[in-house]
Protein backbone atom coordinates (compact mmCIF):
# COMPACT_ATOMS: atom_id res chain seq x y z
CA MET A 1 -67.59 33.81 -37.97
CA GLU A 2 -66.75 36.79 -35.83
CA ILE A 3 -63.44 38.05 -34.52
CA LEU A 4 -63.11 37.21 -30.85
CA SER A 5 -59.72 38.88 -30.30
CA GLN A 6 -56.65 40.05 -32.12
CA ASP A 7 -53.15 40.97 -31.05
CA VAL A 8 -49.51 40.71 -32.12
CA SER A 9 -47.38 37.68 -31.32
CA HIS A 10 -43.71 37.13 -32.05
CA ASN A 11 -41.08 34.45 -32.49
CA SER A 12 -38.34 35.25 -29.97
CA ASP A 13 -35.77 33.21 -31.94
CA THR A 14 -36.16 35.15 -35.20
CA GLY A 15 -37.83 38.38 -34.03
CA THR A 16 -40.62 37.90 -36.59
CA LYS A 17 -43.94 39.49 -35.58
CA TYR A 18 -47.33 37.99 -36.44
CA ASP A 19 -50.87 39.33 -36.55
CA ARG A 20 -52.80 36.83 -34.43
CA ILE A 21 -56.59 36.69 -34.83
CA ASN A 22 -59.01 34.40 -32.98
CA TYR A 23 -62.33 33.70 -34.71
CA VAL A 24 -65.40 32.01 -33.27
CA CYS A 25 -68.63 30.67 -34.73
CA LYS A 26 -70.95 30.37 -31.75
CA LYS A 27 -73.63 28.60 -33.76
CA ASP A 28 -71.36 25.66 -34.63
CA ASP A 29 -68.93 25.98 -31.68
CA VAL A 30 -65.96 26.34 -34.05
CA TRP A 31 -62.81 28.21 -33.01
CA ILE A 32 -59.98 29.20 -35.37
CA LYS A 33 -56.67 30.96 -34.64
CA THR A 34 -54.54 32.45 -37.42
CA GLU A 35 -51.01 33.83 -37.10
CA ILE A 36 -49.90 35.65 -40.25
CA PRO A 37 -46.44 37.24 -40.55
CA GLN A 38 -46.50 41.03 -40.63
CA LYS A 39 -45.20 42.67 -43.77
CA LYS A 40 -41.90 44.45 -43.32
C-alpha cells in the first residue's frame, strides 16, 4: 500500500477536524480512505 494523498477534512456541524489519508495498492486495485480525528 502506498499513500496516494492526504489532507484535512472537517465536520461543519461539530467543528471536528480529521486527518484524511487515501491509500492505494495498484497491484490488487484496492483503495482505502481513512479519516481519523485530530488530537486536541
